[in-house]
Amino acid sequence: MAEEVRDKSRGAVNLVTAVIIAVALVVVGFAAWKVLTNKDDDVNSKAAIAATDKKAEQDCNAQYDDKDKDFCKFASRRTGNLSYEATITTTANGTASITKTTTDGKDNSSLIVFLNSKEVASFVLLNGVTYKKDYTDNKWQKLAAGDPDSLKAAPKNPASSIKIYTKSDTTAETERLTYTANKKEPCGSLTCFKYELKDPQNPSTKQFIWFDDNNYRLMRYSTSDITNNTSSDTTYAYRDIAVPQPSPVK
């Protein structure tokens, strides 16, 4: 009987963890915008990145009639590869958690989930291979290709999915995302522009973004959905990241 209760408890924790990880992966990739993605994953050279960013800024300024140059600077800087850490505070199904993810700006990343300050899930994606921590012996399991628990590479830029509408864009005006400027706010040691993001396809979701007024990088993203009672608040920190080889591996 005790073993049965323990198994059911473990299953409940695993279910909650799965929900939290799913929410976290959405937030990390700024996937609230992924349905309208205009990614440049194949852009590698600095010259190509600069040209792409310049074109995006021109398109954005044309869209806003040159009335929001700060937003357009932010919107244009989404193609460069960045190494960063994202800390996500999530509430899903009444359970609060913290998820920390890192990426080295290439294809290597890590993800750790905490429930009530206890680490309950940990993954590492290194050189195309996913490792999952087994808490029964604190060793790492190397997952086979195609395993449903395998991680996908994190976005090389957390704002990479931002959509820039061009004059030739056929998206109906009623279906377009809108961004409304709020007052600037402190964000850590920096000062940030704050914008409300509205998505006509998700009217029950309230979203805000913050980007700094120096490098125009995404610094914070918050979202709440009253329909499924889910909310998250993500902060981003940019620094050199080295994803270590998990050890010991069984």
C-alpha atoms as a PDB file:
ATOM      1  CA  MET A   1       0.000   0.000   0.000  1.00  0.00           C
ATOM      2  CA  ALA A   2       2.766   2.432   0.934  1.00  0.00           C
ATOM      3  CA  GLU A   3       4.517   1.646  -2.356  1.00  0.00           C
ATOM      4  CA  GLU A   4       1.307   2.319  -4.278  1.00  0.00           C
ATOM      5  CA  VAL A   5       0.855   5.708  -2.583  1.00  0.00           C
ATOM      6  CA  ARG A   6       4.497   6.536  -3.275  1.00  0.00           C
ATOM      7  CA  ASP A   7       4.078   5.677  -6.959  1.00  0.00           C
ATOM      8  CA  LYS A   8       0.958   7.830  -7.240  1.00  0.00           C
ATOM      9  CA  SER A   9       2.717  10.721  -5.512  1.00  0.00           C
ATOM     10  CA  ARG A  10       5.686  10.379  -7.832  1.00  0.00           C
ATOM     11  CA  GLY A  11       3.335  10.373 -10.799  1.00  0.00           C
ATOM     12  CA  ALA A  12       1.657  13.556  -9.613  1.00  0.00           C
ATOM     13  CA  VAL A  13       4.985  15.299  -9.215  1.00  0.00           C
ATOM     14  CA  ASN A  14       6.060  14.137 -12.667  1.00  0.00           C
ATOM     15  CA  LEU A  15       2.820  15.441 -14.184  1.00  0.00           C
ATOM     16  CA  VAL A  16       3.229  18.843 -12.548  1.00  0.00           C
ATOM     17  CA  THR A  17       6.867  18.952 -13.615  1.00  0.00           C
ATOM     18  CA  ALA A  18       5.910  18.119 -17.199  1.00  0.00           C
ATOM     19  CA  VAL A  19       3.397  20.983 -17.253  1.00  0.00           C
ATOM     20  CA  ILE A  20       5.958  23.395 -15.827  1.00  0.00           C
ATOM     21  CA  ILE A  21       8.647  22.349 -18.310  1.00  0.00           C
ATOM     22  CA  ALA A  22       6.206  22.793 -21.178  1.00  0.00           C
ATOM     23  CA  VAL A  23       5.334  26.302 -19.996  1.00  0.00           C
ATOM     24  CA  ALA A  24       9.010  27.107 -19.463  1.00  0.00           C
ATOM     25  CA  LEU A  25      10.032  26.036 -22.954  1.00  0.00           C
ATOM     26  CA  VAL A  26       7.311  28.228 -24.407  1.00  0.00           C
ATOM     27  CA  VAL A  27       8.479  31.248 -22.445  1.00  0.00           C
ATOM     28  CA  VAL A  28      12.178  30.777 -23.094  1.00  0.00           C
ATOM     29  CA  GLY A  29      11.658  30.894 -26.817  1.00  0.00           C
ATOM     30  CA  PHE A  30       9.381  33.915 -26.623  1.00  0.00           C
ATOM     31  CA  ALA A  31       6.941  31.519 -28.295  1.00  0.00           C
ATOM     32  CA  ALA A  32       3.939  33.693 -27.610  1.00  0.00           C
ATOM     33  CA  TRP A  33       4.898  35.055 -31.017  1.00  0.00           C
ATOM     34  CA  LYS A  34       5.948  31.834 -32.705  1.00  0.00           C
ATOM     35  CA  VAL A  35       2.759  31.560 -34.755  1.00  0.00           C
ATOM     36  CA  LEU A  36       3.916  34.699 -36.580  1.00  0.00           C
ATOM     37  CA  THR A  37       7.596  33.853 -36.557  1.00  0.00           C
ATOM     38  CA  ASN A  38       9.984  35.489 -38.976  1.00  0.00           C
ATOM     39  CA  LYS A  39      13.184  33.743 -37.882  1.00  0.00           C
ATOM     40  CA  ASP A  40      16.644  34.048 -39.407  1.00  0.00           C
ATOM     41  CA  ASP A  41      18.199  30.850 -38.080  1.00  0.00           C
ATOM     42  CA  ASP A  42      20.549  30.497 -41.053  1.00  0.00           C
ATOM     43  CA  VAL A  43      22.100  33.929 -40.674  1.00  0.00           C
ATOM     44  CA  ASN A  44      25.680  33.468 -39.522  1.00  0.00           C
ATOM     45  CA  SER A  45      28.046  36.192 -40.685  1.00  0.00           C
ATOM     46  CA  LYS A  46      28.212  39.549 -38.940  1.00  0.00           C
ATOM     47  CA  ALA A  47      27.658  41.331 -42.247  1.00  0.00           C
ATOM     48  CA  ALA A  48      24.553  39.282 -42.977  1.00  0.00           C
ATOM     49  CA  ILE A  49      23.235  39.867 -39.458  1.00  0.00           C
ATOM     50  CA  ALA A  50      23.824  43.619 -39.755  1.00  0.00           C
ATOM     51  CA  ALA A  51      22.052  43.724 -43.116  1.00  0.00           C
ATOM     52  CA  THR A  52      19.109  41.698 -41.809  1.00  0.00           C
ATOM     53  CA  ASP A  53      18.794  43.894 -38.716  1.00  0.00           C
ATOM     54  CA  LYS A  54      18.926  47.079 -40.786  1.00  0.00           C
ATOM     55  CA  LYS A  55      16.191  45.801 -43.096  1.00  0.00           C
ATOM     56  CA  ALA A  56      14.051  44.790 -40.099  1.00  0.00           C
ATOM     57  CA  GLU A  57      14.464  48.215 -38.514  1.00  0.00           C
ATOM     58  CA  GLN A  58      13.497  49.922 -41.782  1.00  0.00           C
ATOM     59  CA  ASP A  59      10.415  47.713 -42.111  1.00  0.00           C
ATOM     60  CA  CYS A  60       9.436  48.378 -38.509  1.00  0.00           C
ATOM     61  CA  ASN A  61       9.814  52.150 -38.862  1.00  0.00           C
ATOM     62  CA  ALA A  62       7.733  52.028 -42.019  1.00  0.00           C
ATOM     63  CA  GLN A  63       5.069  50.069 -40.144  1.00  0.00           C
ATOM     64  CA  TYR A  64       4.977  52.651 -37.348  1.00  0.00           C
ATOM     65  CA  ASP A  65       5.510  55.695 -39.572  1.00  0.00           C
ATOM     66  CA  ASP A  66       8.780  56.458 -37.759  1.00  0.00           C
ATOM     67  CA  LYS A  67       6.822  57.106 -34.542  1.00  0.00           C
ATOM     68  CA  ASP A  68       8.440  54.439 -32.367  1.00  0.00           C
ATOM     69  CA  LYS A  69      12.141  54.230 -33.180  1.00  0.00           C
ATOM     70  CA  ASP A  70      13.016  52.689 -29.788  1.00  0.00           C
ATOM     71  CA  PHE A  71      10.734  49.721 -30.326  1.00  0.00           C
ATOM     72  CA  CYS A  72      12.082  49.292 -33.842  1.00  0.00           C
ATOM     73  CA  LYS A  73      15.657  49.201 -32.562  1.00  0.00           C
ATOM     74  CA  PHE A  74      14.623  46.390 -30.226  1.00  0.00           C
ATOM     75  CA  ALA A  75      12.651  44.607 -32.937  1.00  0.00           C
ATOM     76  CA  SER A  76      15.592  44.677 -35.337  1.00  0.00           C
ATOM     77  CA  ARG A  77      18.125  43.135 -32.954  1.00  0.00           C
ATOM     78  CA  ARG A  78      16.814  39.600 -32.987  1.00  0.00           C
ATOM     79  CA  THR A  79      19.186  37.747 -35.302  1.00  0.00           C
ATOM     80  CA  GLY A  80      22.514  37.829 -33.456  1.00  0.00           C
ATOM     81  CA  ASN A  81      23.494  34.761 -31.412  1.00  0.00           C
ATOM     82  CA  LEU A  82      23.536  35.471 -27.669  1.00  0.00           C
ATOM     83  CA  SER A  83      24.502  33.424 -24.639  1.00  0.00           C
ATOM     84  CA  TYR A  84      22.104  34.024 -21.766  1.00  0.00           C
ATOM     85  CA  GLU A  85      20.358  32.721 -18.687  1.00  0.00           C
ATOM     86  CA  ALA A  86      16.600  32.839 -18.273  1.00  0.00           C
ATOM     87  CA  THR A  87      14.915  32.569 -14.878  1.00  0.00           C
ATOM     88  CA  ILE A  88      11.222  31.742 -15.142  1.00  0.00           C
ATOM     89  CA  THR A  89       8.800  31.962 -12.233  1.00  0.00           C
ATOM     90  CA  THR A  90       5.729  29.978 -13.241  1.00  0.00           C
ATOM     91  CA  THR A  91       2.352  29.193 -11.739  1.00  0.00           C
ATOM     92  CA  ALA A  92       0.573  26.272 -13.391  1.00  0.00           C
ATOM     93  CA  ASN A  93      -2.427  24.403 -11.967  1.00  0.00           C
ATOM     94  CA  GLY A  94      -1.961  26.262  -8.693  1.00  0.00           C
ATOM     95  CA  THR A  95       1.654  25.124  -8.313  1.00  0.00           C
ATOM     96  CA  ALA A  96       4.495  27.650  -8.293  1.00  0.00           C
ATOM     97  CA  SER A  97       7.935  26.805  -9.630  1.00  0.00           C
ATOM     98  CA  ILE A  98      11.195  28.309 -10.774  1.00  0.00           C
ATOM     99  CA  THR A  99      12.903  27.152 -13.943  1.00  0.00           C
ATOM    100  CA  LYS A 100      16.427  28.176 -14.871  1.00  0.00           C
ATOM    101  CA  THR A 101      17.700  27.718 -18.387  1.00  0.00           C
ATOM    102  CA  THR A 102      21.024  28.596 -19.983  1.00  0.00           C
ATOM    103  CA  THR A 103      22.244  28.566 -23.564  1.00  0.00           C
ATOM    104  CA  ASP A 104      25.695  29.190 -24.957  1.00  0.00           C
ATOM    105  CA  GLY A 105      24.379  30.944 -28.068  1.00  0.00           C
ATOM    106  CA  LYS A 106      25.026  27.843 -30.140  1.00  0.00           C
ATOM    107  CA  ASP A 107      23.032  24.634 -29.715  1.00  0.00           C
ATOM    108  CA  ASN A 108      23.977  23.682 -26.146  1.00  0.00           C
ATOM    109  CA  SER A 109      21.687  24.413 -23.220  1.00  0.00           C
ATOM    110  CA  SER A 110      20.514  23.315 -19.795  1.00  0.00           C
ATOM    111  CA  LEU A 111      17.198  23.364 -17.944  1.00  0.00           C
ATOM    112  CA  ILE A 112      16.568  22.935 -14.208  1.00  0.00           C
ATOM    113  CA  VAL A 113      13.150  22.968 -12.501  1.00  0.00           C
ATOM    114  CA  PHE A 114      12.592  23.727  -8.795  1.00  0.00           C
ATOM    115  CA  LEU A 115       9.386  23.083  -6.855  1.00  0.00           C
ATOM    116  CA  ASN A 116       9.255  24.636  -3.377  1.00  0.00           C
ATOM    117  CA  SER A 117      13.011  25.272  -3.676  1.00  0.00           C
ATOM    118  CA  LYS A 118      13.649  21.570  -4.383  1.00  0.00           C
ATOM    119  CA  GLU A 119      15.261  20.530  -7.650  1.00  0.00           C
ATOM    120  CA  VAL A 120      12.879  18.111  -9.361  1.00  0.00           C
ATOM    121  CA  ALA A 121      14.062  17.964 -12.972  1.00  0.00           C
ATOM    122  CA  SER A 122      17.305  18.661 -14.786  1.00  0.00           C
ATOM    123  CA  PHE A 123      18.280  18.320 -18.439  1.00  0.00           C
ATOM    124  CA  VAL A 124      21.381  19.135 -20.467  1.00  0.00           C
ATOM    125  CA  LEU A 125      21.566  19.347 -24.251  1.00  0.00           C
ATOM    126  CA  LEU A 126      25.184  19.058 -25.348  1.00  0.00           C
ATOM    127  CA  ASN A 127      26.450  18.456 -28.877  1.00  0.00           C
ATOM    128  CA  GLY A 128      23.045  17.226 -29.971  1.00  0.00           C
ATOM    129  CA  VAL A 129      22.611  14.750 -27.115  1.00  0.00           C
ATOM    130  CA  THR A 130      20.145  15.191 -24.226  1.00  0.00           C
ATOM    131  CA  TYR A 131      21.045  14.055 -20.709  1.00  0.00           C
ATOM    132  CA  LYS A 132      18.386  13.680 -18.015  1.00  0.00           C
ATOM    133  CA  LYS A 133      19.196  13.541 -14.308  1.00  0.00           C
ATOM    134  CA  ASP A 134      17.949  10.518 -12.384  1.00  0.00           C
ATOM    135  CA  TYR A 135      17.334  11.581  -8.784  1.00  0.00           C
ATOM    136  CA  THR A 136      17.259   8.013  -7.487  1.00  0.00           C
ATOM    137  CA  ASP A 137      21.049   7.801  -7.854  1.00  0.00           C
ATOM    138  CA  ASN A 138      21.957  11.377  -8.949  1.00  0.00           C
ATOM    139  CA  LYS A 139      23.416  10.058 -12.177  1.00  0.00           C
ATOM    140  CA  TRP A 140      22.711  11.232 -15.703  1.00  0.00           C
ATOM    141  CA  GLN A 141      20.887   9.200 -18.310  1.00  0.00           C
ATOM    142  CA  LYS A 142      21.873   9.681 -21.952  1.00  0.00           C
ATOM    143  CA  LEU A 143      18.651   9.786 -23.954  1.00  0.00           C
ATOM    144  CA  ALA A 144      18.335   8.148 -27.338  1.00  0.00           C
ATOM    145  CA  ALA A 145      17.583  10.274 -30.368  1.00  0.00           C
ATOM    146  CA  GLY A 146      13.856  10.801 -30.653  1.00  0.00           C
ATOM    147  CA  ASP A 147      13.182  10.252 -26.948  1.00  0.00           C
ATOM    148  CA  PRO A 148      10.122  12.376 -25.997  1.00  0.00           C
ATOM    149  CA  ASP A 149      12.101  13.907 -23.122  1.00  0.00           C
ATOM    150  CA  SER A 150      14.863  15.169 -25.419  1.00  0.00           C
ATOM    151  CA  LEU A 151      15.389  18.918 -25.378  1.00  0.00           C
ATOM    152  CA  LYS A 152      15.293  21.052 -28.470  1.00  0.00           C
ATOM    153  CA  ALA A 153      17.982  23.669 -28.922  1.00  0.00           C
ATOM    154  CA  ALA A 154      17.043  26.904 -27.177  1.00  0.00           C
ATOM    155  CA  PRO A 155      16.635  30.021 -29.321  1.00  0.00           C
ATOM    156  CA  LYS A 156      19.992  31.717 -29.931  1.00  0.00           C
ATOM    157  CA  ASN A 157      18.304  35.026 -29.204  1.00  0.00           C
ATOM    158  CA  PRO A 158      15.297  35.120 -26.834  1.00  0.00           C
ATOM    159  CA  ALA A 159      13.613  37.749 -29.014  1.00  0.00           C
ATOM    160  CA  SER A 160      14.214  35.824 -32.243  1.00  0.00           C
ATOM    161  CA  SER A 161      10.530  35.173 -32.871  1.00  0.00           C
ATOM    162  CA  ILE A 162       9.414  38.770 -32.961  1.00  0.00           C
ATOM    163  CA  LYS A 163       7.312  39.536 -36.014  1.00  0.00           C
ATOM    164  CA  ILE A 164       7.973  42.552 -38.220  1.00  0.00           C
ATOM    165  CA  TYR A 165       5.127  43.386 -40.575  1.00  0.00           C
ATOM    166  CA  THR A 166       6.232  44.675 -43.969  1.00  0.00           C
ATOM    167  CA  LYS A 167       4.207  46.643 -46.459  1.00  0.00           C
ATOM    168  CA  SER A 168       3.728  43.484 -48.502  1.00  0.00           C
ATOM    169  CA  ASP A 169       2.547  41.454 -45.500  1.00  0.00           C
ATOM    170  CA  THR A 170      -0.860  39.922 -46.128  1.00  0.00           C
ATOM    171  CA  THR A 171      -1.753  39.476 -42.440  1.00  0.00           C
ATOM    172  CA  ALA A 172      -5.087  41.170 -41.803  1.00  0.00           C
ATOM    173  CA  GLU A 173      -4.936  44.214 -39.545  1.00  0.00           C
ATOM    174  CA  THR A 174      -7.369  42.551 -37.126  1.00  0.00           C
ATOM    175  CA  GLU A 175      -4.998  39.594 -36.737  1.00  0.00           C
ATOM    176  CA  ARG A 176      -1.815  41.537 -36.140  1.00  0.00           C
ATOM    177  CA  LEU A 177       0.015  41.774 -32.849  1.00  0.00           C
ATOM    178  CA  THR A 178       0.056  45.230 -31.329  1.00  0.00           C
ATOM    179  CA  TYR A 179       2.597  46.793 -28.979  1.00  0.00           C
ATOM    180  CA  THR A 180       1.665  49.668 -26.701  1.00  0.00           C
ATOM    181  CA  ALA A 181       4.333  51.674 -24.918  1.00  0.00           C
ATOM    182  CA  ASN A 182       4.131  52.122 -21.143  1.00  0.00           C
ATOM    183  CA  LYS A 183       6.410  54.208 -18.942  1.00  0.00           C
ATOM    184  CA  LYS A 184      10.075  53.261 -18.633  1.00  0.00           C
ATOM    185  CA  GLU A 185      10.930  51.233 -15.523  1.00  0.00           C
ATOM    186  CA  PRO A 186      14.052  50.032 -13.701  1.00  0.00           C
ATOM    187  CA  CYS A 187      15.022  46.477 -14.649  1.00  0.00           C
ATOM    188  CA  GLY A 188      17.825  45.310 -12.414  1.00  0.00           C
ATOM    189  CA  SER A 189      20.705  47.743 -12.781  1.00  0.00           C
ATOM    190  CA  LEU A 190      19.334  48.999 -16.113  1.00  0.00           C
ATOM    191  CA  THR A 191      16.403  51.079 -17.278  1.00  0.00           C
ATOM    192  CA  CYS A 192      13.888  49.470 -19.588  1.00  0.00           C
ATOM    193  CA  PHE A 193      11.145  50.374 -21.978  1.00  0.00           C
ATOM    194  CA  LYS A 194       7.951  48.537 -21.073  1.00  0.00           C
ATOM    195  CA  TYR A 195       5.412  47.492 -23.704  1.00  0.00           C
ATOM    196  CA  GLU A 196       2.114  45.677 -23.564  1.00  0.00           C
ATOM    197  CA  LEU A 197       1.754  43.003 -26.229  1.00  0.00           C
ATOM    198  CA  LYS A 198      -1.718  42.106 -27.448  1.00  0.00           C
ATOM    199  CA  ASP A 199      -2.423  39.074 -29.604  1.00  0.00           C
ATOM    200  CA  PRO A 200      -5.895  38.997 -31.227  1.00  0.00           C
ATOM    201  CA  GLN A 201      -5.653  35.205 -31.419  1.00  0.00           C
ATOM    202  CA  ASN A 202      -5.173  34.965 -27.640  1.00  0.00           C
ATOM    203  CA  PRO A 203      -7.381  37.686 -26.124  1.00  0.00           C
ATOM    204  CA  SER A 204      -7.389  36.067 -22.663  1.00  0.00           C
ATOM    205  CA  THR A 205      -3.598  36.344 -22.398  1.00  0.00           C
ATOM    206  CA  LYS A 206      -2.061  39.470 -20.927  1.00  0.00           C
ATOM    207  CA  GLN A 207       1.571  40.013 -21.946  1.00  0.00           C
ATOM    208  CA  PHE A 208       4.300  42.562 -21.269  1.00  0.00           C
ATOM    209  CA  ILE A 209       7.882  42.897 -22.451  1.00  0.00           C
ATOM    210  CA  TRP A 210      10.775  44.992 -21.163  1.00  0.00           C
ATOM    211  CA  PHE A 211      13.916  45.833 -23.151  1.00  0.00           C
ATOM    212  CA  ASP A 212      16.822  47.970 -21.997  1.00  0.00           C
ATOM    213  CA  ASP A 213      17.524  51.436 -23.379  1.00  0.00           C
ATOM    214  CA  ASN A 214      21.211  50.732 -24.024  1.00  0.00           C
ATOM    215  CA  ASN A 215      21.644  47.460 -25.931  1.00  0.00           C
ATOM    216  CA  TYR A 216      17.933  47.054 -26.709  1.00  0.00           C
ATOM    217  CA  ARG A 217      17.908  43.451 -25.489  1.00  0.00           C
ATOM    218  CA  LEU A 218      14.929  41.635 -24.074  1.00  0.00           C
ATOM    219  CA  MET A 219      15.254  41.790 -20.279  1.00  0.00           C
ATOM    220  CA  ARG A 220      11.888  40.574 -19.052  1.00  0.00           C
ATOM    221  CA  TYR A 221       8.718  38.954 -20.341  1.00  0.00           C
ATOM    222  CA  SER A 222       5.555  38.314 -18.342  1.00  0.00           C
ATOM    223  CA  THR A 223       2.377  36.562 -19.359  1.00  0.00           C
ATOM    224  CA  SER A 224      -0.816  35.496 -17.630  1.00  0.00           C
ATOM    225  CA  ASP A 225      -3.740  33.533 -19.005  1.00  0.00           C
ATOM    226  CA  ILE A 226      -6.991  33.690 -17.061  1.00  0.00           C
ATOM    227  CA  THR A 227      -8.469  30.807 -19.074  1.00  0.00           C
ATOM    228  CA  ASN A 228      -6.031  28.116 -17.920  1.00  0.00           C
ATOM    229  CA  ASN A 229      -4.908  29.890 -14.737  1.00  0.00           C
ATOM    230  CA  THR A 230      -1.273  29.970 -15.847  1.00  0.00           C
ATOM    231  CA  SER A 231       1.200  32.794 -15.437  1.00  0.00           C
ATOM    232  CA  SER A 232       4.916  33.280 -15.794  1.00  0.00           C
ATOM    233  CA  ASP A 233       7.481  36.004 -15.296  1.00  0.00           C
ATOM    234  CA  THR A 234      10.848  35.628 -17.004  1.00  0.00           C
ATOM    235  CA  THR A 235      14.029  37.638 -16.561  1.00  0.00           C
ATOM    236  CA  TYR A 236      17.021  37.381 -18.879  1.00  0.00           C
ATOM    237  CA  ALA A 237      20.710  37.894 -18.081  1.00  0.00           C
ATOM    238  CA  TYR A 238      23.356  37.981 -20.803  1.00  0.00           C
ATOM    239  CA  ARG A 239      26.778  36.524 -20.074  1.00  0.00           C
ATOM    240  CA  ASP A 240      29.228  33.932 -21.344  1.00  0.00           C
ATOM    241  CA  ILE A 241      27.798  30.446 -20.844  1.00  0.00           C
ATOM    242  CA  ALA A 242      29.708  27.167 -20.885  1.00  0.00           C
ATOM    243  CA  VAL A 243      27.399  24.132 -20.736  1.00  0.00           C
ATOM    244  CA  PRO A 244      29.350  21.400 -18.897  1.00  0.00           C
ATOM    245  CA  GLN A 245      29.425  17.712 -19.703  1.00  0.00           C
ATOM    246  CA  PRO A 246      27.084  15.935 -17.226  1.00  0.00           C
ATOM    247  CA  SER A 247      28.800  13.534 -14.851  1.00  0.00           C
ATOM    248  CA  PRO A 248      28.522  10.773 -13.861  1.00  0.00           C
ATOM    249  CA  VAL A 249      26.683   9.263 -16.825  1.00  0.00           C
ATOM    250  CA  LYS A 250      25.273   5.777 -16.420  1.00  0.00           C
END
